[in-house]
């Protein structure tokens, strides 16, 4: 056995980060996979929306695999439901967000390739969401964190 083989173990990162009612549980970070992939489990209770603004990223793809429930993704204006056993690859540059419009909690597996995003983004976003005390998070602070971690916030939707 090589030294590398001995160090291998299941879920080397296994960290849960709470973003209000949502939870992100990192299973593998870029550090665990030589920068090739980051993998996390996303849990979204029923009738919950993504607190962060819609966004895009130019340096990686995001692939989502449904485990439980149905998560509705909006990708470049198109609504796409992802349920158990279904996968969606969000290409670089596509503006996207998600909502759980259903009555069932959602669990999905997300892979970032290459691993340009990691737990630190979610830790910082969680602090802004926590500071909002149940209200909308500070959009300026959230946008600054997003940009620093390689995400480009989309402009706010036009008011009707």
N, C-alpha and C. Protein backbone atom coordinates (compact mmCIF):
# COMPACT_ATOMS: atom_id res chain seq x y z
N UNK A 1 0.83 -1.18 0.00
CA UNK A 1 0.00 0.00 0.00
C UNK A 1 0.88 1.24 0.00
N UNK A 2 0.48 2.21 -0.78
CA UNK A 2 1.21 3.47 -0.79
C UNK A 2 0.70 4.37 0.33
N UNK A 3 1.46 5.41 0.63
CA UNK A 3 1.04 6.36 1.67
C UNK A 3 -0.28 7.01 1.27
N UNK A 4 -0.47 7.25 -0.04
CA UNK A 4 -1.71 7.87 -0.51
C UNK A 4 -2.90 6.95 -0.25
N UNK A 5 -2.76 5.68 -0.49
CA UNK A 5 -3.85 4.73 -0.29
C UNK A 5 -4.25 4.66 1.18
N UNK A 6 -3.31 4.66 2.08
CA UNK A 6 -3.58 4.58 3.51
C UNK A 6 -4.42 5.77 3.97
N UNK A 7 -4.22 6.97 3.38
CA UNK A 7 -4.91 8.17 3.80
C UNK A 7 -6.36 8.25 3.31
N UNK A 8 -6.77 7.37 2.42
CA UNK A 8 -8.11 7.43 1.86
C UNK A 8 -9.16 7.03 2.89
N UNK A 9 -10.27 7.77 2.91
CA UNK A 9 -11.40 7.39 3.74
C UNK A 9 -12.68 7.97 3.17
N UNK A 10 -13.81 7.45 3.58
CA UNK A 10 -15.11 7.88 3.08
C UNK A 10 -15.45 9.27 3.63
N UNK A 11 -16.01 10.12 2.76
CA UNK A 11 -16.42 11.48 3.14
C UNK A 11 -15.32 12.23 3.89
N UNK A 12 -14.19 12.49 3.24
CA UNK A 12 -13.08 13.12 3.96
C UNK A 12 -13.40 14.50 4.52
N UNK A 13 -14.36 15.20 3.97
CA UNK A 13 -14.66 16.54 4.48
C UNK A 13 -15.87 16.53 5.40
N UNK A 14 -16.97 15.92 4.94
CA UNK A 14 -18.15 15.67 5.76
C UNK A 14 -18.48 16.81 6.72
N UNK A 15 -18.63 18.02 6.19
CA UNK A 15 -18.97 19.19 7.01
C UNK A 15 -20.36 19.67 6.61
N UNK A 16 -21.20 19.98 7.60
CA UNK A 16 -22.52 20.53 7.32
C UNK A 16 -22.53 22.01 7.64
N UNK A 17 -22.98 22.82 6.68
CA UNK A 17 -23.06 24.27 6.83
C UNK A 17 -24.53 24.64 6.69
N UNK A 18 -25.07 25.36 7.67
CA UNK A 18 -26.48 25.77 7.66
C UNK A 18 -26.60 27.18 7.07
N UNK A 19 -27.44 27.28 6.05
CA UNK A 19 -27.75 28.57 5.41
C UNK A 19 -29.22 28.84 5.67
N UNK A 20 -29.54 29.33 6.86
CA UNK A 20 -30.93 29.43 7.26
C UNK A 20 -31.48 28.02 7.32
N UNK A 21 -32.62 27.75 6.65
CA UNK A 21 -33.20 26.41 6.69
C UNK A 21 -32.51 25.41 5.75
N UNK A 22 -31.67 25.90 4.84
CA UNK A 22 -30.97 25.01 3.91
C UNK A 22 -29.71 24.47 4.57
N UNK A 23 -29.24 23.32 4.09
CA UNK A 23 -28.01 22.74 4.61
C UNK A 23 -27.15 22.25 3.46
N UNK A 24 -25.86 22.52 3.57
CA UNK A 24 -24.87 22.04 2.61
C UNK A 24 -23.90 21.17 3.40
N UNK A 25 -23.76 19.92 2.97
CA UNK A 25 -22.86 18.98 3.66
C UNK A 25 -21.78 18.57 2.67
N UNK A 26 -20.58 19.15 2.86
CA UNK A 26 -19.47 18.81 1.98
C UNK A 26 -19.01 17.39 2.24
N UNK A 27 -18.87 16.64 1.16
CA UNK A 27 -18.36 15.28 1.23
C UNK A 27 -16.91 15.24 0.76
N UNK A 28 -16.63 15.98 -0.31
CA UNK A 28 -15.28 16.07 -0.86
C UNK A 28 -15.03 17.52 -1.25
N UNK A 29 -13.90 18.07 -0.85
CA UNK A 29 -13.52 19.42 -1.26
C UNK A 29 -12.42 19.31 -2.31
N UNK A 30 -12.11 20.43 -2.92
CA UNK A 30 -11.02 20.45 -3.89
C UNK A 30 -9.71 19.97 -3.30
N UNK A 31 -9.49 20.29 -2.02
CA UNK A 31 -8.26 19.84 -1.35
C UNK A 31 -8.21 18.31 -1.25
N UNK A 32 -9.38 17.70 -1.12
CA UNK A 32 -9.44 16.24 -1.03
C UNK A 32 -9.19 15.56 -2.37
N UNK A 33 -9.42 16.32 -3.48
CA UNK A 33 -9.41 15.71 -4.82
C UNK A 33 -8.46 16.42 -5.78
N UNK A 34 -7.38 16.98 -5.25
CA UNK A 34 -6.38 17.66 -6.07
C UNK A 34 -6.99 18.70 -7.00
N UNK A 35 -8.08 19.34 -6.55
CA UNK A 35 -8.71 20.41 -7.31
C UNK A 35 -9.62 19.96 -8.43
N UNK A 36 -9.81 18.65 -8.60
CA UNK A 36 -10.60 18.17 -9.74
C UNK A 36 -12.11 18.28 -9.51
N UNK A 37 -12.57 18.10 -8.27
CA UNK A 37 -14.01 18.10 -8.00
C UNK A 37 -14.27 18.47 -6.54
N UNK A 38 -15.39 19.12 -6.31
CA UNK A 38 -15.93 19.31 -4.97
C UNK A 38 -17.34 18.74 -5.01
N UNK A 39 -17.71 17.98 -3.99
CA UNK A 39 -19.02 17.33 -3.96
C UNK A 39 -19.68 17.64 -2.63
N UNK A 40 -20.95 18.09 -2.72
CA UNK A 40 -21.68 18.34 -1.49
C UNK A 40 -23.14 17.93 -1.65
N UNK A 41 -23.73 17.60 -0.50
CA UNK A 41 -25.14 17.26 -0.45
C UNK A 41 -25.91 18.53 -0.08
N UNK A 42 -26.97 18.81 -0.79
CA UNK A 42 -27.79 19.99 -0.56
C UNK A 42 -29.15 19.54 -0.03
N UNK A 43 -29.57 20.07 1.12
CA UNK A 43 -30.88 19.76 1.68
C UNK A 43 -31.70 21.05 1.70
N UNK A 44 -32.90 20.98 1.09
CA UNK A 44 -33.77 22.15 0.98
C UNK A 44 -35.16 21.75 1.48
N UNK A 45 -35.59 22.29 2.64
CA UNK A 45 -36.93 21.97 3.13
C UNK A 45 -38.01 22.41 2.14
N UNK A 46 -39.19 21.83 2.29
CA UNK A 46 -40.30 22.18 1.39
C UNK A 46 -40.59 23.68 1.45
N UNK A 47 -41.01 24.20 0.31
CA UNK A 47 -41.42 25.60 0.16
C UNK A 47 -40.31 26.60 0.50
N UNK A 48 -39.05 26.24 0.27
CA UNK A 48 -37.93 27.15 0.54
C UNK A 48 -37.29 27.60 -0.77
N UNK A 49 -36.77 28.84 -0.74
CA UNK A 49 -36.11 29.42 -1.90
C UNK A 49 -34.64 29.67 -1.56
N UNK A 50 -33.82 29.73 -2.59
CA UNK A 50 -32.41 30.07 -2.43
C UNK A 50 -32.33 31.52 -1.96
N UNK A 51 -31.64 31.77 -0.84
CA UNK A 51 -31.54 33.13 -0.29
C UNK A 51 -30.61 34.01 -1.11
N UNK A 52 -29.59 33.42 -1.70
CA UNK A 52 -28.63 34.19 -2.50
C UNK A 52 -29.25 34.56 -3.84
N UNK A 53 -28.76 35.63 -4.45
CA UNK A 53 -29.28 35.99 -5.78
C UNK A 53 -28.93 34.94 -6.83
N UNK A 54 -29.72 34.93 -7.90
CA UNK A 54 -29.36 34.09 -9.05
C UNK A 54 -27.95 34.49 -9.46
N UNK A 55 -27.22 33.55 -10.05
CA UNK A 55 -25.81 33.82 -10.34
C UNK A 55 -25.32 32.94 -11.48
N UNK A 56 -24.12 33.22 -11.91
CA UNK A 56 -23.43 32.37 -12.88
C UNK A 56 -22.00 32.18 -12.39
N UNK A 57 -21.30 31.26 -13.01
CA UNK A 57 -19.87 31.09 -12.73
C UNK A 57 -19.19 30.71 -14.03
N UNK A 58 -18.06 31.34 -14.28
CA UNK A 58 -17.35 31.18 -15.55
C UNK A 58 -16.24 30.14 -15.49
N UNK A 59 -15.91 29.64 -14.30
CA UNK A 59 -14.73 28.79 -14.17
C UNK A 59 -15.03 27.33 -13.84
N UNK A 60 -16.31 26.98 -13.76
CA UNK A 60 -16.65 25.60 -13.47
C UNK A 60 -18.09 25.28 -13.86
N UNK A 61 -18.35 23.98 -14.03
CA UNK A 61 -19.70 23.48 -14.22
C UNK A 61 -20.22 23.03 -12.86
N UNK A 62 -21.54 23.05 -12.75
CA UNK A 62 -22.19 22.54 -11.55
C UNK A 62 -23.18 21.47 -12.00
N UNK A 63 -23.00 20.26 -11.50
CA UNK A 63 -23.91 19.17 -11.86
C UNK A 63 -24.71 18.79 -10.62
N UNK A 64 -26.01 18.68 -10.80
CA UNK A 64 -26.93 18.41 -9.70
C UNK A 64 -27.61 17.07 -9.96
N UNK A 65 -27.63 16.21 -8.96
CA UNK A 65 -28.28 14.91 -9.05
C UNK A 65 -29.35 14.82 -7.97
N UNK A 66 -30.61 14.61 -8.35
CA UNK A 66 -31.70 14.53 -7.40
C UNK A 66 -31.71 13.22 -6.64
N UNK A 67 -31.88 13.32 -5.32
CA UNK A 67 -31.97 12.13 -4.46
C UNK A 67 -33.39 11.97 -3.92
N UNK A 68 -33.94 13.05 -3.33
CA UNK A 68 -35.29 13.04 -2.77
C UNK A 68 -35.98 14.35 -3.14
N UNK A 69 -37.28 14.31 -3.36
CA UNK A 69 -38.04 15.53 -3.66
C UNK A 69 -37.69 16.09 -5.03
N UNK A 70 -38.29 17.24 -5.35
CA UNK A 70 -38.07 17.89 -6.64
C UNK A 70 -37.62 19.32 -6.41
N UNK A 71 -36.47 19.66 -6.96
CA UNK A 71 -35.94 21.02 -6.89
C UNK A 71 -36.14 21.65 -8.26
N UNK A 72 -36.73 22.85 -8.28
CA UNK A 72 -36.95 23.55 -9.53
C UNK A 72 -35.83 24.54 -9.75
N UNK A 73 -35.06 24.31 -10.79
CA UNK A 73 -33.95 25.18 -11.16
C UNK A 73 -34.41 26.13 -12.25
N UNK A 74 -33.99 27.36 -12.17
CA UNK A 74 -34.19 28.31 -13.26
C UNK A 74 -32.82 28.53 -13.86
N UNK A 75 -32.64 28.11 -15.11
CA UNK A 75 -31.35 28.21 -15.79
C UNK A 75 -31.57 29.03 -17.06
N UNK A 76 -30.93 30.19 -17.10
CA UNK A 76 -31.10 31.12 -18.23
C UNK A 76 -32.58 31.32 -18.56
N UNK A 77 -33.40 31.48 -17.50
CA UNK A 77 -34.82 31.77 -17.66
C UNK A 77 -35.71 30.57 -17.87
N UNK A 78 -35.15 29.38 -18.02
CA UNK A 78 -35.94 28.16 -18.26
C UNK A 78 -36.10 27.39 -16.95
N UNK A 79 -37.34 27.01 -16.61
CA UNK A 79 -37.61 26.21 -15.41
C UNK A 79 -37.35 24.74 -15.70
N UNK A 80 -36.56 24.10 -14.82
CA UNK A 80 -36.21 22.69 -14.99
C UNK A 80 -36.37 21.99 -13.64
N UNK A 81 -37.28 21.01 -13.59
CA UNK A 81 -37.45 20.23 -12.37
C UNK A 81 -36.46 19.08 -12.36
N UNK A 82 -35.78 18.90 -11.22
CA UNK A 82 -34.83 17.81 -11.05
C UNK A 82 -35.31 16.97 -9.86
N UNK A 83 -35.72 15.74 -10.15
CA UNK A 83 -36.22 14.83 -9.11
C UNK A 83 -35.27 13.66 -8.90
N UNK A 84 -35.67 12.71 -8.08
CA UNK A 84 -34.83 11.56 -7.79
C UNK A 84 -34.38 10.84 -9.06
N UNK A 85 -33.09 10.57 -9.13
CA UNK A 85 -32.52 9.85 -10.26
C UNK A 85 -32.28 10.70 -11.49
N UNK A 86 -32.54 12.00 -11.41
CA UNK A 86 -32.31 12.89 -12.56
C UNK A 86 -31.09 13.76 -12.29
N UNK A 87 -30.41 14.14 -13.37
CA UNK A 87 -29.22 14.98 -13.26
C UNK A 87 -29.33 16.16 -14.20
N UNK A 88 -28.77 17.30 -13.78
CA UNK A 88 -28.73 18.52 -14.56
C UNK A 88 -27.32 19.07 -14.49
N UNK A 89 -26.72 19.32 -15.65
CA UNK A 89 -25.41 19.97 -15.69
C UNK A 89 -25.62 21.43 -16.07
N UNK A 90 -25.22 22.33 -15.19
CA UNK A 90 -25.36 23.76 -15.43
C UNK A 90 -24.03 24.24 -16.01
N UNK A 91 -24.05 24.68 -17.27
CA UNK A 91 -22.79 25.06 -17.92
C UNK A 91 -22.23 26.38 -17.40
N UNK A 92 -20.96 26.57 -17.62
CA UNK A 92 -20.30 27.82 -17.26
C UNK A 92 -21.04 28.98 -17.91
N UNK A 93 -21.23 30.05 -17.16
CA UNK A 93 -21.85 31.26 -17.69
C UNK A 93 -23.37 31.28 -17.64
N UNK A 94 -24.03 30.16 -17.34
CA UNK A 94 -25.50 30.13 -17.29
C UNK A 94 -25.99 30.75 -15.97
N UNK A 95 -26.93 31.67 -16.05
CA UNK A 95 -27.50 32.28 -14.84
C UNK A 95 -28.52 31.29 -14.27
N UNK A 96 -28.38 31.00 -12.99
CA UNK A 96 -29.25 29.99 -12.39
C UNK A 96 -29.54 30.26 -10.93
N UNK A 97 -30.58 29.58 -10.45
CA UNK A 97 -31.01 29.59 -9.05
C UNK A 97 -31.92 28.38 -8.87
N UNK A 98 -32.37 28.12 -7.64
CA UNK A 98 -33.30 27.02 -7.41
C UNK A 98 -34.32 27.39 -6.36
N UNK A 99 -35.44 26.66 -6.39
CA UNK A 99 -36.51 26.79 -5.40
C UNK A 99 -37.09 25.40 -5.16
N UNK A 100 -37.52 25.15 -3.94
CA UNK A 100 -38.29 23.95 -3.65
C UNK A 100 -39.75 24.39 -3.59
N UNK A 101 -40.47 24.20 -4.67
CA UNK A 101 -41.87 24.61 -4.74
C UNK A 101 -42.82 23.54 -4.23
N UNK A 102 -42.28 22.41 -3.84
CA UNK A 102 -43.12 21.28 -3.44
C UNK A 102 -43.36 21.20 -1.94
N UNK A 103 -44.09 20.16 -1.57
CA UNK A 103 -44.41 19.92 -0.15
C UNK A 103 -43.46 18.90 0.47
N UNK A 104 -42.50 18.40 -0.31
CA UNK A 104 -41.54 17.41 0.18
C UNK A 104 -40.16 18.05 0.28
N UNK A 105 -39.43 17.70 1.34
CA UNK A 105 -38.05 18.17 1.46
C UNK A 105 -37.22 17.59 0.31
N UNK A 106 -36.20 18.33 -0.08
CA UNK A 106 -35.34 17.92 -1.19
C UNK A 106 -33.95 17.59 -0.67
N UNK A 107 -33.38 16.57 -1.24
CA UNK A 107 -31.97 16.26 -1.04
C UNK A 107 -31.38 16.04 -2.42
N UNK A 108 -30.26 16.72 -2.70
CA UNK A 108 -29.59 16.60 -3.99
C UNK A 108 -28.09 16.54 -3.76
N UNK A 109 -27.41 15.95 -4.70
CA UNK A 109 -25.96 15.87 -4.68
C UNK A 109 -25.45 16.84 -5.74
N UNK A 110 -24.50 17.70 -5.38
CA UNK A 110 -23.96 18.69 -6.31
C UNK A 110 -22.46 18.46 -6.47
N UNK A 111 -22.01 18.51 -7.72
CA UNK A 111 -20.57 18.37 -8.03
C UNK A 111 -20.12 19.61 -8.77
N UNK A 112 -19.02 20.18 -8.32
CA UNK A 112 -18.41 21.35 -8.93
C UNK A 112 -17.13 20.86 -9.61
N UNK A 113 -17.04 21.07 -10.94
CA UNK A 113 -15.86 20.61 -11.69
C UNK A 113 -15.32 21.71 -12.59
N UNK A 114 -14.05 22.06 -12.49
CA UNK A 114 -13.15 21.67 -11.40
C UNK A 114 -13.59 22.33 -10.09
N UNK A 115 -12.93 21.99 -9.01
CA UNK A 115 -13.35 22.40 -7.66
C UNK A 115 -12.97 23.85 -7.36
N UNK A 116 -13.60 24.79 -8.06
CA UNK A 116 -13.29 26.21 -7.86
C UNK A 116 -14.11 26.82 -6.73
N UNK A 117 -15.01 26.05 -6.13
CA UNK A 117 -15.86 26.53 -5.04
C UNK A 117 -15.78 25.51 -3.91
N UNK A 118 -15.72 26.02 -2.68
CA UNK A 118 -15.62 25.11 -1.55
C UNK A 118 -16.40 25.59 -0.35
N UNK A 119 -16.18 24.97 0.78
CA UNK A 119 -16.95 25.28 1.98
C UNK A 119 -16.85 26.73 2.43
N UNK A 120 -15.72 27.38 2.20
CA UNK A 120 -15.56 28.74 2.70
C UNK A 120 -16.61 29.69 2.14
N UNK A 121 -16.99 29.52 0.88
CA UNK A 121 -18.06 30.36 0.31
C UNK A 121 -19.34 30.19 1.12
N UNK A 122 -19.71 28.94 1.38
CA UNK A 122 -20.95 28.68 2.10
C UNK A 122 -20.88 29.15 3.55
N UNK A 123 -19.71 29.03 4.18
CA UNK A 123 -19.55 29.52 5.56
C UNK A 123 -19.80 31.03 5.61
N UNK A 124 -19.19 31.77 4.66
CA UNK A 124 -19.35 33.22 4.64
C UNK A 124 -20.79 33.61 4.31
N UNK A 125 -21.41 32.95 3.35
CA UNK A 125 -22.81 33.22 3.00
C UNK A 125 -23.71 32.92 4.19
N UNK A 126 -23.43 31.86 4.93
CA UNK A 126 -24.23 31.49 6.10
C UNK A 126 -24.21 32.60 7.15
N UNK A 127 -23.07 33.26 7.32
CA UNK A 127 -22.97 34.36 8.29
C UNK A 127 -23.87 35.53 7.89
N UNK A 128 -23.91 35.86 6.60
CA UNK A 128 -24.77 36.96 6.12
C UNK A 128 -26.24 36.59 6.30
N UNK A 129 -26.59 35.34 6.01
CA UNK A 129 -27.97 34.88 6.17
C UNK A 129 -28.36 34.89 7.63
N UNK A 130 -27.44 34.45 8.50
CA UNK A 130 -27.71 34.44 9.94
C UNK A 130 -27.91 35.86 10.46
N UNK A 131 -27.11 36.81 10.00
CA UNK A 131 -27.22 38.20 10.43
C UNK A 131 -28.55 38.82 10.01
N UNK A 132 -29.17 38.29 8.95
CA UNK A 132 -30.46 38.82 8.48
C UNK A 132 -31.61 38.41 9.40
N UNK A 133 -31.38 37.48 10.31
CA UNK A 133 -32.36 37.05 11.31
C UNK A 133 -33.73 36.73 10.71
N UNK A 134 -33.73 35.96 9.63
CA UNK A 134 -34.99 35.55 9.01
C UNK A 134 -35.47 36.47 7.91
N UNK A 135 -34.90 37.65 7.80
CA UNK A 135 -35.26 38.56 6.71
C UNK A 135 -34.37 38.31 5.52
N UNK A 136 -34.53 39.11 4.47
CA UNK A 136 -33.67 38.92 3.31
C UNK A 136 -32.22 39.28 3.64
N UNK A 137 -31.27 38.50 3.16
CA UNK A 137 -29.87 38.80 3.45
C UNK A 137 -29.43 40.09 2.74
N UNK A 138 -28.41 40.73 3.29
CA UNK A 138 -27.85 41.95 2.71
C UNK A 138 -27.31 41.61 1.33
N UNK A 139 -27.97 42.12 0.30
CA UNK A 139 -27.62 41.80 -1.09
C UNK A 139 -26.20 42.26 -1.44
N UNK A 140 -25.79 43.41 -0.92
CA UNK A 140 -24.45 43.93 -1.23
C UNK A 140 -23.37 43.02 -0.63
N UNK A 141 -23.56 42.64 0.63
CA UNK A 141 -22.59 41.74 1.28
C UNK A 141 -22.57 40.38 0.58
N UNK A 142 -23.76 39.87 0.26
CA UNK A 142 -23.84 38.56 -0.40
C UNK A 142 -23.14 38.63 -1.76
N UNK A 143 -23.37 39.70 -2.51
CA UNK A 143 -22.75 39.85 -3.84
C UNK A 143 -21.23 39.92 -3.72
N UNK A 144 -20.73 40.60 -2.69
CA UNK A 144 -19.28 40.70 -2.51
C UNK A 144 -18.67 39.33 -2.24
N UNK A 145 -19.33 38.54 -1.39
CA UNK A 145 -18.84 37.18 -1.09
C UNK A 145 -18.89 36.33 -2.36
N UNK A 146 -19.97 36.43 -3.10
CA UNK A 146 -20.12 35.65 -4.33
C UNK A 146 -18.98 35.97 -5.30
N UNK A 147 -18.74 37.26 -5.53
CA UNK A 147 -17.68 37.66 -6.48
C UNK A 147 -16.31 37.16 -6.04
N UNK A 148 -16.05 37.25 -4.74
CA UNK A 148 -14.75 36.81 -4.22
C UNK A 148 -14.52 35.31 -4.43
N UNK A 149 -15.62 34.56 -4.52
CA UNK A 149 -15.52 33.11 -4.68
C UNK A 149 -15.83 32.66 -6.11
N UNK A 150 -15.81 33.59 -7.05
CA UNK A 150 -15.94 33.22 -8.46
C UNK A 150 -17.35 33.12 -9.00
N UNK A 151 -18.34 33.61 -8.26
CA UNK A 151 -19.72 33.64 -8.73
C UNK A 151 -20.04 35.06 -9.17
N UNK A 152 -20.85 35.20 -10.21
CA UNK A 152 -21.28 36.51 -10.68
C UNK A 152 -22.76 36.66 -10.39
N UNK A 153 -23.13 37.55 -9.44
CA UNK A 153 -24.54 37.73 -9.16
C UNK A 153 -25.27 38.29 -10.38
N UNK A 154 -26.47 37.79 -10.62
CA UNK A 154 -27.29 38.32 -11.71
C UNK A 154 -27.95 39.61 -11.23
N UNK A 155 -28.24 40.52 -12.15
CA UNK A 155 -28.95 41.73 -11.73
C UNK A 155 -30.31 41.34 -11.15
N UNK A 156 -30.84 42.17 -10.23
CA UNK A 156 -32.17 41.85 -9.67
C UNK A 156 -33.21 41.82 -10.80
N UNK A 157 -34.23 40.97 -10.65
CA UNK A 157 -35.27 40.93 -11.69
C UNK A 157 -35.99 42.27 -11.76
N UNK A 158 -36.48 42.64 -12.94
CA UNK A 158 -37.19 43.91 -13.06
C UNK A 158 -38.46 43.91 -12.23
N UNK A 159 -38.77 45.04 -11.66
CA UNK A 159 -40.01 45.18 -10.85
C UNK A 159 -41.20 45.29 -11.78
N UNK A 160 -42.27 44.59 -11.44
CA UNK A 160 -43.49 44.61 -12.27
C UNK A 160 -44.32 45.85 -12.01
